[in-house]
């Protein structure tokens, strides 16, 4: 389990290899178009998080147990 900061955010920034996927929101309408082309990866803490341009996980909080 990755470490958690004092504010409750996960400290891990590396997605689990092989879990990166790109969202295809082209057919879901203009309301969801901002999601199109976003890349998501799974964190070892169990949460799926969008990636930054450099391929790191965005700051996130681990799922509540």
N, C-alpha and C. Protein backbone atom coordinates (compact mmCIF):
# COMPACT_ATOMS: atom_id res chain seq x y z
N UNK A 1 0.86 -1.19 0.00
CA UNK A 1 0.00 0.00 0.00
C UNK A 1 0.90 1.25 0.00
N UNK A 2 0.72 2.14 -0.96
CA UNK A 2 1.55 3.36 -0.98
C UNK A 2 1.26 4.24 0.23
N UNK A 3 2.24 5.07 0.57
CA UNK A 3 2.10 5.96 1.71
C UNK A 3 1.06 7.04 1.42
N UNK A 4 0.53 7.61 2.49
CA UNK A 4 -0.47 8.66 2.38
C UNK A 4 0.03 9.89 3.11
N UNK A 5 -0.15 11.07 2.52
CA UNK A 5 0.30 12.30 3.16
C UNK A 5 -0.63 12.69 4.31
N UNK A 6 -0.26 13.72 5.03
CA UNK A 6 -1.07 14.19 6.15
C UNK A 6 -2.44 14.66 5.70
N UNK A 7 -2.55 15.10 4.44
CA UNK A 7 -3.85 15.56 3.94
C UNK A 7 -4.68 14.42 3.37
N UNK A 8 -4.15 13.20 3.43
CA UNK A 8 -4.92 12.05 2.96
C UNK A 8 -4.71 11.70 1.50
N UNK A 9 -3.73 12.34 0.84
CA UNK A 9 -3.48 12.04 -0.56
C UNK A 9 -2.46 10.92 -0.69
N UNK A 10 -2.62 10.12 -1.72
CA UNK A 10 -1.69 9.03 -2.01
C UNK A 10 -0.38 9.64 -2.53
N UNK A 11 0.75 9.10 -2.12
CA UNK A 11 2.04 9.64 -2.55
C UNK A 11 2.54 8.98 -3.83
N UNK A 12 1.87 7.94 -4.29
CA UNK A 12 2.33 7.23 -5.48
C UNK A 12 1.99 8.02 -6.74
N UNK A 13 2.95 8.10 -7.68
CA UNK A 13 2.68 8.79 -8.94
C UNK A 13 2.85 7.88 -10.15
N UNK A 14 3.27 6.63 -9.92
CA UNK A 14 3.49 5.71 -11.04
C UNK A 14 2.30 4.79 -11.22
N UNK A 15 1.67 4.83 -12.40
CA UNK A 15 0.56 3.91 -12.62
C UNK A 15 1.04 2.47 -12.71
N UNK A 16 0.17 1.53 -12.40
CA UNK A 16 0.50 0.11 -12.53
C UNK A 16 0.70 -0.19 -14.02
N UNK A 17 1.82 -0.79 -14.40
CA UNK A 17 2.06 -1.07 -15.81
C UNK A 17 0.95 -1.92 -16.42
N UNK A 18 0.56 -1.56 -17.64
CA UNK A 18 -0.47 -2.34 -18.32
C UNK A 18 -1.89 -1.92 -18.01
N UNK A 19 -2.08 -0.94 -17.13
CA UNK A 19 -3.44 -0.53 -16.78
C UNK A 19 -3.82 0.79 -17.43
N UNK A 20 -2.91 1.39 -18.21
CA UNK A 20 -3.20 2.70 -18.80
C UNK A 20 -4.18 2.54 -19.95
N UNK A 21 -5.24 3.33 -19.93
CA UNK A 21 -6.22 3.31 -21.01
C UNK A 21 -6.57 4.73 -21.38
N UNK A 22 -6.95 4.90 -22.64
CA UNK A 22 -7.36 6.21 -23.12
C UNK A 22 -8.87 6.21 -23.26
N UNK A 23 -9.51 7.23 -22.75
CA UNK A 23 -10.97 7.31 -22.80
C UNK A 23 -11.42 7.78 -24.19
N UNK A 24 -12.35 7.05 -24.76
CA UNK A 24 -12.94 7.46 -26.04
C UNK A 24 -14.36 7.94 -25.75
N UNK A 25 -14.53 9.25 -25.68
CA UNK A 25 -15.83 9.82 -25.35
C UNK A 25 -16.49 10.43 -26.58
N UNK A 26 -15.99 10.07 -27.76
CA UNK A 26 -16.49 10.68 -28.98
C UNK A 26 -17.98 10.42 -29.18
N UNK A 27 -18.44 9.21 -28.81
CA UNK A 27 -19.83 8.83 -29.07
C UNK A 27 -20.77 9.15 -27.91
N UNK A 28 -20.23 9.70 -26.83
CA UNK A 28 -21.10 9.95 -25.68
C UNK A 28 -21.64 11.37 -25.65
N UNK A 29 -21.38 12.14 -26.70
CA UNK A 29 -22.00 13.46 -26.80
C UNK A 29 -21.11 14.58 -26.29
N UNK A 30 -21.46 15.82 -26.63
CA UNK A 30 -20.62 16.99 -26.30
C UNK A 30 -20.47 17.21 -24.80
N UNK A 31 -21.45 16.74 -24.00
CA UNK A 31 -21.38 16.94 -22.56
C UNK A 31 -20.14 16.26 -21.97
N UNK A 32 -19.73 15.13 -22.57
CA UNK A 32 -18.60 14.37 -22.03
C UNK A 32 -17.34 14.53 -22.87
N UNK A 33 -17.36 15.49 -23.81
CA UNK A 33 -16.23 15.58 -24.72
C UNK A 33 -14.94 15.97 -24.02
N UNK A 34 -15.05 16.65 -22.88
CA UNK A 34 -13.82 17.03 -22.16
C UNK A 34 -13.07 15.80 -21.65
N UNK A 35 -13.75 14.65 -21.58
CA UNK A 35 -13.08 13.43 -21.13
C UNK A 35 -12.36 12.74 -22.28
N UNK A 36 -12.64 13.12 -23.51
CA UNK A 36 -12.11 12.40 -24.66
C UNK A 36 -10.59 12.52 -24.74
N UNK A 37 -9.95 11.39 -24.96
CA UNK A 37 -8.50 11.39 -25.10
C UNK A 37 -7.74 11.41 -23.80
N UNK A 38 -8.44 11.49 -22.67
CA UNK A 38 -7.75 11.47 -21.39
C UNK A 38 -7.21 10.07 -21.12
N UNK A 39 -6.05 10.05 -20.52
CA UNK A 39 -5.46 8.76 -20.19
C UNK A 39 -5.61 8.48 -18.70
N UNK A 40 -6.04 7.27 -18.40
CA UNK A 40 -6.22 6.85 -17.01
C UNK A 40 -5.32 5.66 -16.73
N UNK A 41 -4.87 5.56 -15.50
CA UNK A 41 -4.08 4.41 -15.08
C UNK A 41 -4.47 4.04 -13.66
N UNK A 42 -4.30 2.78 -13.33
CA UNK A 42 -4.61 2.32 -11.98
C UNK A 42 -3.42 2.57 -11.07
N UNK A 43 -3.71 3.00 -9.87
CA UNK A 43 -2.70 3.19 -8.84
C UNK A 43 -2.64 1.91 -8.00
N UNK A 44 -1.47 1.58 -7.45
CA UNK A 44 -1.41 0.41 -6.56
C UNK A 44 -2.36 0.52 -5.36
N UNK A 45 -2.80 1.74 -5.03
CA UNK A 45 -3.75 1.88 -3.91
C UNK A 45 -5.14 1.42 -4.30
N UNK A 46 -5.36 1.16 -5.60
CA UNK A 46 -6.65 0.62 -6.03
C UNK A 46 -7.53 1.61 -6.75
N UNK A 47 -7.12 2.84 -6.83
CA UNK A 47 -7.93 3.86 -7.48
C UNK A 47 -7.49 4.06 -8.93
N UNK A 48 -8.44 4.34 -9.81
CA UNK A 48 -8.09 4.67 -11.18
C UNK A 48 -8.07 6.18 -11.30
N UNK A 49 -6.94 6.73 -11.78
CA UNK A 49 -6.71 8.17 -11.77
C UNK A 49 -6.29 8.62 -13.15
N UNK A 50 -6.68 9.85 -13.52
CA UNK A 50 -6.22 10.37 -14.81
C UNK A 50 -4.74 10.71 -14.72
N UNK A 51 -4.07 10.65 -15.86
CA UNK A 51 -2.63 10.89 -15.90
C UNK A 51 -2.32 12.31 -16.34
N UNK A 52 -1.18 12.81 -15.90
CA UNK A 52 -0.70 14.10 -16.37
C UNK A 52 -0.07 13.91 -17.74
N UNK A 53 0.33 15.00 -18.35
CA UNK A 53 0.96 14.93 -19.67
C UNK A 53 2.25 14.11 -19.62
N UNK A 54 2.90 14.08 -18.48
CA UNK A 54 4.15 13.33 -18.36
C UNK A 54 3.91 11.86 -18.03
N UNK A 55 2.65 11.45 -17.91
CA UNK A 55 2.36 10.05 -17.63
C UNK A 55 2.37 9.70 -16.16
N UNK A 56 2.34 10.72 -15.30
CA UNK A 56 2.25 10.46 -13.86
C UNK A 56 0.80 10.54 -13.42
N UNK A 57 0.50 9.85 -12.33
CA UNK A 57 -0.85 9.93 -11.78
C UNK A 57 -1.08 11.31 -11.18
N UNK A 58 -2.28 11.82 -11.34
CA UNK A 58 -2.64 13.07 -10.68
C UNK A 58 -2.75 12.82 -9.17
N UNK A 59 -2.70 13.92 -8.42
CA UNK A 59 -2.86 13.80 -6.96
C UNK A 59 -4.24 13.25 -6.66
N UNK A 60 -4.29 12.27 -5.81
CA UNK A 60 -5.58 11.63 -5.51
C UNK A 60 -5.55 11.06 -4.10
N UNK A 61 -6.73 10.73 -3.64
CA UNK A 61 -6.85 10.09 -2.35
C UNK A 61 -7.16 8.62 -2.55
N UNK A 62 -6.54 7.73 -1.77
CA UNK A 62 -6.84 6.30 -1.94
C UNK A 62 -8.30 6.03 -1.60
N UNK A 63 -8.85 4.94 -2.17
CA UNK A 63 -10.25 4.61 -1.85
C UNK A 63 -10.44 4.34 -0.37
N UNK A 64 -11.58 4.70 0.15
CA UNK A 64 -11.86 4.47 1.56
C UNK A 64 -12.12 3.00 1.79
N UNK A 65 -11.45 2.45 2.80
CA UNK A 65 -11.60 1.02 3.07
C UNK A 65 -12.93 0.74 3.77
